Amino acid sequence: MSRFEKHIFICQNKREENHPRGSCLAKGSNEVTELLKKRLKELGLNSKVRANSSGCLDACEFGTTVVVYPEQIWYGGVTKDDVEEIIQSHIVGNNPVDRLIIQDKRFLKND
């Protein structure tokens, strides 16, 4: 039996201000991380779901970038306003939030 059913990684990468790909940290990843962790704990999900800050996920141009395992679902442009929908739809309901999924083929799961 695994310790966690799901892992959520939130990019915290920081690049120089004018970098062409931007950085997730500059796009609000700290706030997304804090809210995700807070809500998981409030909902009693933190024993089954682990949210972690991560280093570079190599997707800052889509940032704030969030990836959920084991499903390998990559979300981009995530804001604090999206956190509850990700939790309720994907984490609780097992229905990924289609509108946030990064559509670049490098980040789409190959079944």
PDB file of N, CA and C in Angstrom:
ATOM      1  N   MET A   1       0.845  -1.185   0.000  1.00  0.00           N
ATOM      2  CA  MET A   1       0.000   0.000   0.000  1.00  0.00           C
ATOM      3  C   MET A   1       0.890   1.249   0.000  1.00  0.00           C
ATOM      4  N   SER A   2       0.605   2.163  -0.892  1.00  0.00           N
ATOM      5  CA  SER A   2       1.420   3.367  -0.973  1.00  0.00           C
ATOM      6  C   SER A   2       0.990   4.372   0.090  1.00  0.00           C
ATOM      7  N   ARG A   3       1.917   5.198   0.443  1.00  0.00           N
ATOM      8  CA  ARG A   3       1.641   6.196   1.468  1.00  0.00           C
ATOM      9  C   ARG A   3       0.665   7.250   0.974  1.00  0.00           C
ATOM     10  N   PHE A   4       0.855   7.713  -0.266  1.00  0.00           N
ATOM     11  CA  PHE A   4      -0.035   8.718  -0.842  1.00  0.00           C
ATOM     12  C   PHE A   4      -0.639   8.188  -2.132  1.00  0.00           C
ATOM     13  N   GLU A   5      -1.913   8.496  -2.343  1.00  0.00           N
ATOM     14  CA  GLU A   5      -2.590   8.099  -3.576  1.00  0.00           C
ATOM     15  C   GLU A   5      -2.218   9.015  -4.737  1.00  0.00           C
ATOM     16  N   LYS A   6      -1.984  10.277  -4.429  1.00  0.00           N
ATOM     17  CA  LYS A   6      -1.644  11.257  -5.451  1.00  0.00           C
ATOM     18  C   LYS A   6      -0.547  12.175  -4.925  1.00  0.00           C
ATOM     19  N   HIS A   7       0.260  12.638  -5.860  1.00  0.00           N
ATOM     20  CA  HIS A   7       1.255  13.664  -5.574  1.00  0.00           C
ATOM     21  C   HIS A   7       0.997  14.837  -6.500  1.00  0.00           C
ATOM     22  N   ILE A   8       1.020  16.035  -5.935  1.00  0.00           N
ATOM     23  CA  ILE A   8       0.847  17.264  -6.703  1.00  0.00           C
ATOM     24  C   ILE A   8       2.140  18.051  -6.566  1.00  0.00           C
ATOM     25  N   PHE A   9       2.750  18.362  -7.704  1.00  0.00           N
ATOM     26  CA  PHE A   9       3.978  19.150  -7.701  1.00  0.00           C
ATOM     27  C   PHE A   9       3.688  20.521  -8.309  1.00  0.00           C
ATOM     28  N   ILE A  10       4.091  21.568  -7.595  1.00  0.00           N
ATOM     29  CA  ILE A  10       3.873  22.936  -8.042  1.00  0.00           C
ATOM     30  C   ILE A  10       5.235  23.586  -8.260  1.00  0.00           C
ATOM     31  N   CYS A  11       5.489  24.015  -9.485  1.00  0.00           N
ATOM     32  CA  CYS A  11       6.777  24.608  -9.839  1.00  0.00           C
ATOM     33  C   CYS A  11       7.016  25.902  -9.057  1.00  0.00           C
ATOM     34  N   GLN A  12       8.210  26.021  -8.504  1.00  0.00           N
ATOM     35  CA  GLN A  12       8.618  27.233  -7.798  1.00  0.00           C
ATOM     36  C   GLN A  12       9.836  27.870  -8.466  1.00  0.00           C
ATOM     37  N   ASN A  13      10.061  27.528  -9.722  1.00  0.00           N
ATOM     38  CA  ASN A  13      11.247  28.012 -10.413  1.00  0.00           C
ATOM     39  C   ASN A  13      11.239  29.529 -10.529  1.00  0.00           C
ATOM     40  N   LYS A  14      12.440  30.106 -10.349  1.00  0.00           N
ATOM     41  CA  LYS A  14      12.611  31.557 -10.476  1.00  0.00           C
ATOM     42  C   LYS A  14      13.697  31.837 -11.500  1.00  0.00           C
ATOM     43  N   ARG A  15      13.329  32.615 -12.493  1.00  0.00           N
ATOM     44  CA  ARG A  15      14.281  33.062 -13.507  1.00  0.00           C
ATOM     45  C   ARG A  15      14.389  34.583 -13.415  1.00  0.00           C
ATOM     46  N   GLU A  16      15.389  35.135 -14.118  1.00  0.00           N
ATOM     47  CA  GLU A  16      15.506  36.588 -14.147  1.00  0.00           C
ATOM     48  C   GLU A  16      14.227  37.183 -14.732  1.00  0.00           C
ATOM     49  N   GLU A  17      13.953  38.391 -14.339  1.00  0.00           N
ATOM     50  CA  GLU A  17      12.689  39.059 -14.644  1.00  0.00           C
ATOM     51  C   GLU A  17      12.319  39.083 -16.122  1.00  0.00           C
ATOM     52  N   ASN A  18      13.258  39.282 -16.998  1.00  0.00           N
ATOM     53  CA  ASN A  18      12.952  39.419 -18.427  1.00  0.00           C
ATOM     54  C   ASN A  18      13.180  38.151 -19.232  1.00  0.00           C
ATOM     55  N   HIS A  19      13.278  37.031 -18.578  1.00  0.00           N
ATOM     56  CA  HIS A  19      13.510  35.766 -19.298  1.00  0.00           C
ATOM     57  C   HIS A  19      12.317  35.491 -20.213  1.00  0.00           C
ATOM     58  N   PRO A  20      12.570  35.068 -21.456  1.00  0.00           N
ATOM     59  CA  PRO A  20      11.466  34.861 -22.414  1.00  0.00           C
ATOM     60  C   PRO A  20      10.468  33.781 -21.997  1.00  0.00           C
ATOM     61  N   ARG A  21      10.889  32.813 -21.203  1.00  0.00           N
ATOM     62  CA  ARG A  21       9.953  31.766 -20.762  1.00  0.00           C
ATOM     63  C   ARG A  21       9.255  32.127 -19.458  1.00  0.00           C
ATOM     64  N   GLY A  22       9.698  33.206 -18.835  1.00  0.00           N
ATOM     65  CA  GLY A  22       9.106  33.581 -17.559  1.00  0.00           C
ATOM     66  C   GLY A  22       9.484  32.597 -16.472  1.00  0.00           C
ATOM     67  N   SER A  23       8.811  32.714 -15.354  1.00  0.00           N
ATOM     68  CA  SER A  23       9.032  31.762 -14.268  1.00  0.00           C
ATOM     69  C   SER A  23       7.749  31.592 -13.481  1.00  0.00           C
ATOM     70  N   CYS A  24       7.553  30.400 -12.991  1.00  0.00           N
ATOM     71  CA  CYS A  24       6.329  30.109 -12.251  1.00  0.00           C
ATOM     72  C   CYS A  24       6.245  30.927 -10.966  1.00  0.00           C
ATOM     73  N   LEU A  25       7.377  31.152 -10.326  1.00  0.00           N
ATOM     74  CA  LEU A  25       7.377  31.925  -9.087  1.00  0.00           C
ATOM     75  C   LEU A  25       6.816  33.325  -9.332  1.00  0.00           C
ATOM     76  N   ALA A  26       7.222  33.939 -10.430  1.00  0.00           N
ATOM     77  CA  ALA A  26       6.728  35.281 -10.764  1.00  0.00           C
ATOM     78  C   ALA A  26       5.255  35.267 -11.162  1.00  0.00           C
ATOM     79  N   LYS A  27       4.729  34.091 -11.483  1.00  0.00           N
ATOM     80  CA  LYS A  27       3.329  33.974 -11.909  1.00  0.00           C
ATOM     81  C   LYS A  27       2.420  33.513 -10.778  1.00  0.00           C
ATOM     82  N   GLY A  28       2.938  33.528  -9.540  1.00  0.00           N
ATOM     83  CA  GLY A  28       2.087  33.257  -8.380  1.00  0.00           C
ATOM     84  C   GLY A  28       2.128  31.848  -7.833  1.00  0.00           C
ATOM     85  N   SER A  29       3.165  31.097  -8.140  1.00  0.00           N
ATOM     86  CA  SER A  29       3.191  29.701  -7.691  1.00  0.00           C
ATOM     87  C   SER A  29       3.239  29.550  -6.171  1.00  0.00           C
ATOM     88  N   ASN A  30       3.842  30.507  -5.458  1.00  0.00           N
ATOM     89  CA  ASN A  30       3.850  30.419  -3.990  1.00  0.00           C
ATOM     90  C   ASN A  30       2.434  30.440  -3.431  1.00  0.00           C
ATOM     91  N   GLU A  31       1.616  31.350  -3.942  1.00  0.00           N
ATOM     92  CA  GLU A  31       0.239  31.472  -3.460  1.00  0.00           C
ATOM     93  C   GLU A  31      -0.579  30.215  -3.789  1.00  0.00           C
ATOM     94  N   VAL A  32      -0.362  29.670  -4.985  1.00  0.00           N
ATOM     95  CA  VAL A  32      -1.060  28.441  -5.381  1.00  0.00           C
ATOM     96  C   VAL A  32      -0.663  27.299  -4.442  1.00  0.00           C
ATOM     97  N   THR A  33       0.624  27.182  -4.167  1.00  0.00           N
ATOM     98  CA  THR A  33       1.119  26.118  -3.288  1.00  0.00           C
ATOM     99  C   THR A  33       0.528  26.241  -1.894  1.00  0.00           C
ATOM    100  N   GLU A  34       0.590  27.426  -1.327  1.00  0.00           N
ATOM    101  CA  GLU A  34       0.066  27.641   0.025  1.00  0.00           C
ATOM    102  C   GLU A  34      -1.415  27.295   0.119  1.00  0.00           C
ATOM    103  N   LEU A  35      -2.197  27.744  -0.851  1.00  0.00           N
ATOM    104  CA  LEU A  35      -3.634  27.478  -0.829  1.00  0.00           C
ATOM    105  C   LEU A  35      -3.927  25.995  -1.035  1.00  0.00           C
ATOM    106  N   LEU A  36      -3.220  25.356  -1.954  1.00  0.00           N
ATOM    107  CA  LEU A  36      -3.418  23.921  -2.178  1.00  0.00           C
ATOM    108  C   LEU A  36      -3.162  23.133  -0.893  1.00  0.00           C
ATOM    109  N   LYS A  37      -2.046  23.399  -0.240  1.00  0.00           N
ATOM    110  CA  LYS A  37      -1.711  22.695   0.995  1.00  0.00           C
ATOM    111  C   LYS A  37      -2.750  22.971   2.079  1.00  0.00           C
ATOM    112  N   LYS A  38      -3.154  24.224   2.196  1.00  0.00           N
ATOM    113  CA  LYS A  38      -4.148  24.608   3.208  1.00  0.00           C
ATOM    114  C   LYS A  38      -5.468  23.882   2.985  1.00  0.00           C
ATOM    115  N   ARG A  39      -5.962  23.898   1.753  1.00  0.00           N
ATOM    116  CA  ARG A  39      -7.259  23.270   1.455  1.00  0.00           C
ATOM    117  C   ARG A  39      -7.204  21.756   1.597  1.00  0.00           C
ATOM    118  N   LEU A  40      -6.111  21.130   1.186  1.00  0.00           N
ATOM    119  CA  LEU A  40      -5.989  19.679   1.364  1.00  0.00           C
ATOM    120  C   LEU A  40      -6.062  19.316   2.838  1.00  0.00           C
ATOM    121  N   LYS A  41      -5.398  20.108   3.663  1.00  0.00           N
ATOM    122  CA  LYS A  41      -5.433  19.856   5.107  1.00  0.00           C
ATOM    123  C   LYS A  41      -6.836  20.089   5.669  1.00  0.00           C
ATOM    124  N   GLU A  42      -7.464  21.201   5.292  1.00  0.00           N
ATOM    125  CA  GLU A  42      -8.815  21.509   5.765  1.00  0.00           C
ATOM    126  C   GLU A  42      -9.812  20.429   5.382  1.00  0.00           C
ATOM    127  N   LEU A  43      -9.629  19.852   4.218  1.00  0.00           N
ATOM    128  CA  LEU A  43     -10.550  18.819   3.728  1.00  0.00           C
ATOM    129  C   LEU A  43     -10.175  17.419   4.212  1.00  0.00           C
ATOM    130  N   GLY A  44      -9.117  17.308   4.993  1.00  0.00           N
ATOM    131  CA  GLY A  44      -8.683  16.013   5.512  1.00  0.00           C
ATOM    132  C   GLY A  44      -8.087  15.106   4.457  1.00  0.00           C
ATOM    133  N   LEU A  45      -7.594  15.697   3.379  1.00  0.00           N
ATOM    134  CA  LEU A  45      -7.038  14.913   2.285  1.00  0.00           C
ATOM    135  C   LEU A  45      -5.521  14.784   2.362  1.00  0.00           C
ATOM    136  N   ASN A  46      -4.886  15.508   3.267  1.00  0.00           N
ATOM    137  CA  ASN A  46      -3.425  15.550   3.300  1.00  0.00           C
ATOM    138  C   ASN A  46      -2.779  14.239   3.721  1.00  0.00           C
ATOM    139  N   SER A  47      -3.544  13.280   4.197  1.00  0.00           N
ATOM    140  CA  SER A  47      -2.963  11.962   4.500  1.00  0.00           C
ATOM    141  C   SER A  47      -2.962  11.061   3.258  1.00  0.00           C
ATOM    142  N   LYS A  48      -3.753  11.443   2.223  1.00  0.00           N
ATOM    143  CA  LYS A  48      -3.828  10.657   0.991  1.00  0.00           C
ATOM    144  C   LYS A  48      -3.217  11.363  -0.211  1.00  0.00           C
ATOM    145  N   VAL A  49      -3.107  12.686  -0.106  1.00  0.00           N
ATOM    146  CA  VAL A  49      -2.621  13.496  -1.222  1.00  0.00           C
ATOM    147  C   VAL A  49      -1.506  14.405  -0.711  1.00  0.00           C
ATOM    148  N   ARG A  50      -0.389  14.385  -1.394  1.00  0.00           N
ATOM    149  CA  ARG A  50       0.767  15.197  -1.000  1.00  0.00           C
ATOM    150  C   ARG A  50       0.990  16.296  -2.030  1.00  0.00           C
ATOM    151  N   ALA A  51       0.982  17.541  -1.579  1.00  0.00           N
ATOM    152  CA  ALA A  51       1.312  18.683  -2.429  1.00  0.00           C
ATOM    153  C   ALA A  51       2.713  19.142  -2.060  1.00  0.00           C
ATOM    154  N   ASN A  52       3.574  19.239  -3.070  1.00  0.00           N
ATOM    155  CA  ASN A  52       4.961  19.628  -2.862  1.00  0.00           C
ATOM    156  C   ASN A  52       5.356  20.778  -3.764  1.00  0.00           C
ATOM    157  N   SER A  53       6.146  21.689  -3.211  1.00  0.00           N
ATOM    158  CA  SER A  53       6.838  22.666  -4.044  1.00  0.00           C
ATOM    159  C   SER A  53       7.887  21.899  -4.816  1.00  0.00           C
ATOM    160  N   SER A  54       8.106  22.283  -6.055  1.00  0.00           N
ATOM    161  CA  SER A  54       9.152  21.609  -6.821  1.00  0.00           C
ATOM    162  C   SER A  54      10.071  22.646  -7.442  1.00  0.00           C
ATOM    163  N   GLY A  55      11.228  22.173  -7.836  1.00  0.00           N
ATOM    164  CA  GLY A  55      12.106  22.992  -8.651  1.00  0.00           C
ATOM    165  C   GLY A  55      11.528  23.047 -10.050  1.00  0.00           C
ATOM    166  N   CYS A  56      12.349  23.400 -10.993  1.00  0.00           N
ATOM    167  CA  CYS A  56      11.902  23.587 -12.364  1.00  0.00           C
ATOM    168  C   CYS A  56      11.270  22.321 -12.945  1.00  0.00           C
ATOM    169  N   LEU A  57      10.078  22.476 -13.498  1.00  0.00           N
ATOM    170  CA  LEU A  57       9.392  21.393 -14.203  1.00  0.00           C
ATOM    171  C   LEU A  57       9.543  21.554 -15.715  1.00  0.00           C
ATOM    172  N   ASP A  58      10.329  22.527 -16.127  1.00  0.00           N
ATOM    173  CA  ASP A  58      10.610  22.811 -17.534  1.00  0.00           C
ATOM    174  C   ASP A  58       9.342  23.160 -18.314  1.00  0.00           C
ATOM    175  N   ALA A  59       8.473  23.942 -17.672  1.00  0.00           N
ATOM    176  CA  ALA A  59       7.228  24.351 -18.324  1.00  0.00           C
ATOM    177  C   ALA A  59       6.804  25.747 -17.894  1.00  0.00           C
ATOM    178  N   CYS A  60       7.760  26.585 -17.508  1.00  0.00           N
ATOM    179  CA  CYS A  60       7.419  27.915 -16.983  1.00  0.00           C
ATOM    180  C   CYS A  60       6.667  28.782 -17.989  1.00  0.00           C
ATOM    181  N   GLU A  61       6.862  28.514 -19.283  1.00  0.00           N
ATOM    182  CA  GLU A  61       6.121  29.311 -20.262  1.00  0.00           C
ATOM    183  C   GLU A  61       4.615  29.074 -20.148  1.00  0.00           C
ATOM    184  N   PHE A  62       4.226  27.997 -19.469  1.00  0.00           N
ATOM    185  CA  PHE A  62       2.813  27.690 -19.235  1.00  0.00           C
ATOM    186  C   PHE A  62       2.399  27.999 -17.797  1.00  0.00           C
ATOM    187  N   GLY A  63       3.294  28.538 -17.002  1.00  0.00           N
ATOM    188  CA  GLY A  63       3.147  28.681 -15.556  1.00  0.00           C
ATOM    189  C   GLY A  63       1.958  29.495 -15.108  1.00  0.00           C
ATOM    190  N   THR A  64       1.607  29.376 -13.898  1.00  0.00           N
ATOM    191  CA  THR A  64       2.097  28.456 -12.885  1.00  0.00           C
ATOM    192  C   THR A  64       1.783  27.022 -13.325  1.00  0.00           C
ATOM    193  N   THR A  65       2.817  26.187 -13.278  1.00  0.00           N
ATOM    194  CA  THR A  65       2.676  24.799 -13.709  1.00  0.00           C
ATOM    195  C   THR A  65       2.471  23.887 -12.511  1.00  0.00           C
ATOM    196  N   VAL A  66       1.503  22.983 -12.668  1.00  0.00           N
ATOM    197  CA  VAL A  66       1.177  21.991 -11.640  1.00  0.00           C
ATOM    198  C   VAL A  66       1.061  20.648 -12.340  1.00  0.00           C
ATOM    199  N   VAL A  67       1.656  19.611 -11.762  1.00  0.00           N
ATOM    200  CA  VAL A  67       1.513  18.273 -12.328  1.00  0.00           C
ATOM    201  C   VAL A  67       1.014  17.330 -11.234  1.00  0.00           C
ATOM    202  N   VAL A  68       0.065  16.472 -11.612  1.00  0.00           N
ATOM    203  CA  VAL A  68      -0.539  15.530 -10.668  1.00  0.00           C
ATOM    204  C   VAL A  68      -0.180  14.113 -11.089  1.00  0.00           C
ATOM    205  N   TYR A  69       0.392  13.375 -10.150  1.00  0.00           N
ATOM    206  CA  TYR A  69       0.728  11.964 -10.359  1.00  0.00           C
ATOM    207  C   TYR A  69      -0.102  11.119  -9.429  1.00  0.00           C
ATOM    208  N   PRO A  70      -0.480   9.894  -9.824  1.00  0.00           N
ATOM    209  CA  PRO A  70       0.103   9.113 -10.890  1.00  0.00           C
ATOM    210  C   PRO A  70      -0.495   9.359 -12.275  1.00  0.00           C
ATOM    211  N   GLU A  71      -1.481  10.230 -12.388  1.00  0.00           N
ATOM    212  CA  GLU A  71      -2.160  10.423 -13.669  1.00  0.00           C
ATOM    213  C   GLU A  71      -1.311  11.119 -14.729  1.00  0.00           C
ATOM    214  N   GLN A  72      -0.253  11.815 -14.313  1.00  0.00           N
ATOM    215  CA  GLN A  72       0.599  12.574 -15.232  1.00  0.00           C
ATOM    216  C   GLN A  72      -0.186  13.672 -15.944  1.00  0.00           C
ATOM    217  N   ILE A  73      -1.009  14.378 -15.203  1.00  0.00           N
ATOM    218  CA  ILE A  73      -1.789  15.479 -15.756  1.00  0.00           C
ATOM    219  C   ILE A  73      -1.046  16.777 -15.466  1.00  0.00           C
ATOM    220  N   TRP A  74      -0.717  17.508 -16.538  1.00  0.00           N
ATOM    221  CA  TRP A  74       0.020  18.762 -16.456  1.00  0.00           C
ATOM    222  C   TRP A  74      -0.940  19.928 -16.640  1.00  0.00           C
ATOM    223  N   TYR A  75      -1.000  20.795 -15.631  1.00  0.00           N
ATOM    224  CA  TYR A  75      -1.825  21.986 -15.688  1.00  0.00           C
ATOM    225  C   TYR A  75      -0.951  23.215 -15.882  1.00  0.00           C
ATOM    226  N   GLY A  76      -1.458  24.180 -16.633  1.00  0.00           N
ATOM    227  CA  GLY A  76      -0.744  25.425 -16.847  1.00  0.00           C
ATOM    228  C   GLY A  76      -1.629  26.626 -16.584  1.00  0.00           C
ATOM    229  N   GLY A  77      -0.986  27.736 -16.272  1.00  0.00           N
ATOM    230  CA  GLY A  77      -1.720  28.967 -16.007  1.00  0.00           C
ATOM    231  C   GLY A  77      -2.565  28.891 -14.758  1.00  0.00           C
ATOM    232  N   VAL A  78      -2.171  28.049 -13.819  1.00  0.00           N
ATOM    233  CA  VAL A  78      -2.958  27.840 -12.600  1.00  0.00           C
ATOM    234  C   VAL A  78      -2.836  29.059 -11.687  1.00  0.00           C
ATOM    235  N   THR A  79      -3.982  29.501 -11.184  1.00  0.00           N
ATOM    236  CA  THR A  79      -4.030  30.597 -10.217  1.00  0.00           C
ATOM    237  C   THR A  79      -4.720  30.096  -8.951  1.00  0.00           C
ATOM    238  N   LYS A  80      -4.711  30.938  -7.931  1.00  0.00           N
ATOM    239  CA  LYS A  80      -5.419  30.589  -6.690  1.00  0.00           C
ATOM    240  C   LYS A  80      -6.890  30.295  -6.967  1.00  0.00           C
ATOM    241  N   ASP A  81      -7.461  30.983  -7.945  1.00  0.00           N
ATOM    242  CA  ASP A  81      -8.877  30.778  -8.266  1.00  0.00           C
ATOM    243  C   ASP A  81      -9.166  29.390  -8.830  1.00  0.00           C
ATOM    244  N   ASP A  82      -8.131  28.684  -9.287  1.00  0.00           N
ATOM    245  CA  ASP A  82      -8.300  27.351  -9.866  1.00  0.00           C
ATOM    246  C   ASP A  82      -8.116  26.224  -8.859  1.00  0.00           C
ATOM    247  N   VAL A  83      -7.567  26.541  -7.712  1.00  0.00           N
ATOM    248  CA  VAL A  83      -7.195  25.506  -6.739  1.00  0.00           C
ATOM    249  C   VAL A  83      -8.390  24.659  -6.315  1.00  0.00           C
ATOM    250  N   GLU A  84      -9.482  25.286  -5.953  1.00  0.00           N
ATOM    251  CA  GLU A  84     -10.638  24.520  -5.467  1.00  0.00           C
ATOM    252  C   GLU A  84     -11.194  23.609  -6.560  1.00  0.00           C
ATOM    253  N   GLU A  85     -11.224  24.087  -7.795  1.00  0.00           N
ATOM    254  CA  GLU A  85     -11.711  23.262  -8.898  1.00  0.00           C
ATOM    255  C   GLU A  85     -10.797  22.056  -9.127  1.00  0.00           C
ATOM    256  N   ILE A  86      -9.501  22.259  -9.046  1.00  0.00           N
ATOM    257  CA  ILE A  86      -8.566  21.136  -9.191  1.00  0.00           C
ATOM    258  C   ILE A  86      -8.792  20.121  -8.083  1.00  0.00           C
ATOM    259  N   ILE A  87      -8.947  20.600  -6.862  1.00  0.00           N
ATOM    260  CA  ILE A  87      -9.165  19.675  -5.735  1.00  0.00           C
ATOM    261  C   ILE A  87     -10.477  18.925  -5.903  1.00  0.00           C
ATOM    262  N   GLN A  88     -11.559  19.648  -6.110  1.00  0.00           N
ATOM    263  CA  GLN A  88     -12.873  18.999  -6.154  1.00  0.00           C
ATOM    264  C   GLN A  88     -13.047  18.118  -7.387  1.00  0.00           C
ATOM    265  N   SER A  89     -12.662  18.614  -8.545  1.00  0.00           N
ATOM    266  CA  SER A  89     -12.864  17.861  -9.771  1.00  0.00           C
ATOM    267  C   SER A  89     -11.844  16.745  -9.940  1.00  0.00           C
ATOM    268  N   HIS A  90     -10.568  17.074  -9.835  1.00  0.00           N
ATOM    269  CA  HIS A  90      -9.524  16.085 -10.125  1.00  0.00           C
ATOM    270  C   HIS A  90      -9.158  15.233  -8.912  1.00  0.00           C
ATOM    271  N   ILE A  91      -8.810  15.875  -7.816  1.00  0.00           N
ATOM    272  CA  ILE A  91      -8.317  15.126  -6.661  1.00  0.00           C
ATOM    273  C   ILE A  91      -9.433  14.303  -6.023  1.00  0.00           C
ATOM    274  N   VAL A  92     -10.580  14.894  -5.805  1.00  0.00           N
ATOM    275  CA  VAL A  92     -11.707  14.180  -5.184  1.00  0.00           C
ATOM    276  C   VAL A  92     -12.487  13.376  -6.215  1.00  0.00           C
ATOM    277  N   GLY A  93     -12.819  14.000  -7.352  1.00  0.00           N
ATOM    278  CA  GLY A  93     -13.700  13.366  -8.328  1.00  0.00           C
ATOM    279  C   GLY A  93     -13.013  12.581  -9.434  1.00  0.00           C
ATOM    280  N   ASN A  94     -11.678  12.612  -9.473  1.00  0.00           N
ATOM    281  CA  ASN A  94     -10.909  11.915 -10.513  1.00  0.00           C
ATOM    282  C   ASN A  94     -11.258  12.362 -11.930  1.00  0.00           C
ATOM    283  N   ASN A  95     -11.680  13.623 -12.079  1.00  0.00           N
ATOM    284  CA  ASN A  95     -11.960  14.215 -13.388  1.00  0.00           C
ATOM    285  C   ASN A  95     -11.031  15.399 -13.588  1.00  0.00           C
ATOM    286  N   PRO A  96      -9.974  15.238 -14.374  1.00  0.00           N
ATOM    287  CA  PRO A  96      -9.061  16.356 -14.608  1.00  0.00           C
ATOM    288  C   PRO A  96      -9.794  17.588 -15.142  1.00  0.00           C
ATOM    289  N   VAL A  97      -9.243  18.748 -14.837  1.00  0.00           N
ATOM    290  CA  VAL A  97      -9.823  20.022 -15.261  1.00  0.00           C
ATOM    291  C   VAL A  97      -9.295  20.319 -16.662  1.00  0.00           C
ATOM    292  N   ASP A  98     -10.079  19.963 -17.666  1.00  0.00           N
ATOM    293  CA  ASP A  98      -9.651  20.045 -19.066  1.00  0.00           C
ATOM    294  C   ASP A  98      -9.165  21.427 -19.474  1.00  0.00           C
ATOM    295  N   ARG A  99      -9.826  22.461 -19.014  1.00  0.00           N
ATOM    296  CA  ARG A  99      -9.484  23.813 -19.451  1.00  0.00           C
ATOM    297  C   ARG A  99      -8.089  24.249 -19.004  1.00  0.00           C
ATOM    298  N   LEU A 100      -7.512  23.565 -18.008  1.00  0.00           N
ATOM    299  CA  LEU A 100      -6.189  23.927 -17.498  1.00  0.00           C
ATOM    300  C   LEU A 100      -5.075  23.012 -17.997  1.00  0.00           C
ATOM    301  N   ILE A 101      -5.426  21.934 -18.668  1.00  0.00           N
ATOM    302  CA  ILE A 101      -4.413  20.985 -19.127  1.00  0.00           C
ATOM    303  C   ILE A 101      -3.558  21.623 -20.220  1.00  0.00           C
ATOM    304  N   ILE A 102      -2.251  21.537 -20.047  1.00  0.00           N
ATOM    305  CA  ILE A 102      -1.322  22.051 -21.052  1.00  0.00           C
ATOM    306  C   ILE A 102      -1.494  21.220 -22.319  1.00  0.00           C
ATOM    307  N   GLN A 103      -1.751  21.876 -23.429  1.00  0.00           N
ATOM    308  CA  GLN A 103      -2.036  21.177 -24.679  1.00  0.00           C
ATOM    309  C   GLN A 103      -0.801  20.893 -25.534  1.00  0.00           C
ATOM    310  N   ASP A 104       0.344  21.313 -25.106  1.00  0.00           N
ATOM    311  CA  ASP A 104       1.584  21.011 -25.814  1.00  0.00           C
ATOM    312  C   ASP A 104       1.832  19.504 -25.734  1.00  0.00           C
ATOM    313  N   LYS A 105       2.135  18.866 -26.863  1.00  0.00           N
ATOM    314  CA  LYS A 105       2.273  17.406 -26.917  1.00  0.00           C
ATOM    315  C   LYS A 105       3.350  16.862 -25.983  1.00  0.00           C
ATOM    316  N   ARG A 106       4.317  17.706 -25.607  1.00  0.00           N
ATOM    317  CA  ARG A 106       5.357  17.244 -24.679  1.00  0.00           C
ATOM    318  C   ARG A 106       4.804  16.947 -23.282  1.00  0.00           C
ATOM    319  N   PHE A 107       3.640  17.512 -22.989  1.00  0.00           N
ATOM    320  CA  PHE A 107       3.079  17.375 -21.654  1.00  0.00           C
ATOM    321  C   PHE A 107       1.794  16.547 -21.612  1.00  0.00           C
ATOM    322  N   LEU A 108       1.383  16.032 -22.749  1.00  0.00           N
ATOM    323  CA  LEU A 108       0.195  15.203 -22.799  1.00  0.00           C
ATOM    324  C   LEU A 108       0.578  13.754 -22.621  1.00  0.00           C
ATOM    325  N   LYS A 109      -0.156  13.062 -21.790  1.00  0.00           N
ATOM    326  CA  LYS A 109       0.113  11.664 -21.498  1.00  0.00           C
ATOM    327  C   LYS A 109      -0.185  10.820 -22.733  1.00  0.00           C
ATOM    328  N   ASN A 110       0.731   9.940 -23.056  1.00  0.00           N
ATOM    329  CA  ASN A 110       0.531   9.017 -24.169  1.00  0.00           C
ATOM    330  C   ASN A 110       0.000   7.695 -23.624  1.00  0.00           C
ATOM    331  N   ASP A 111      -1.264   7.423 -23.932  1.00  0.00           N
ATOM    332  CA  ASP A 111      -1.859   6.153 -23.439  1.00  0.00           C
ATOM    333  C   ASP A 111      -1.543   5.009 -24.350  1.00  0.00           C
TER     334      ASP A 111
END
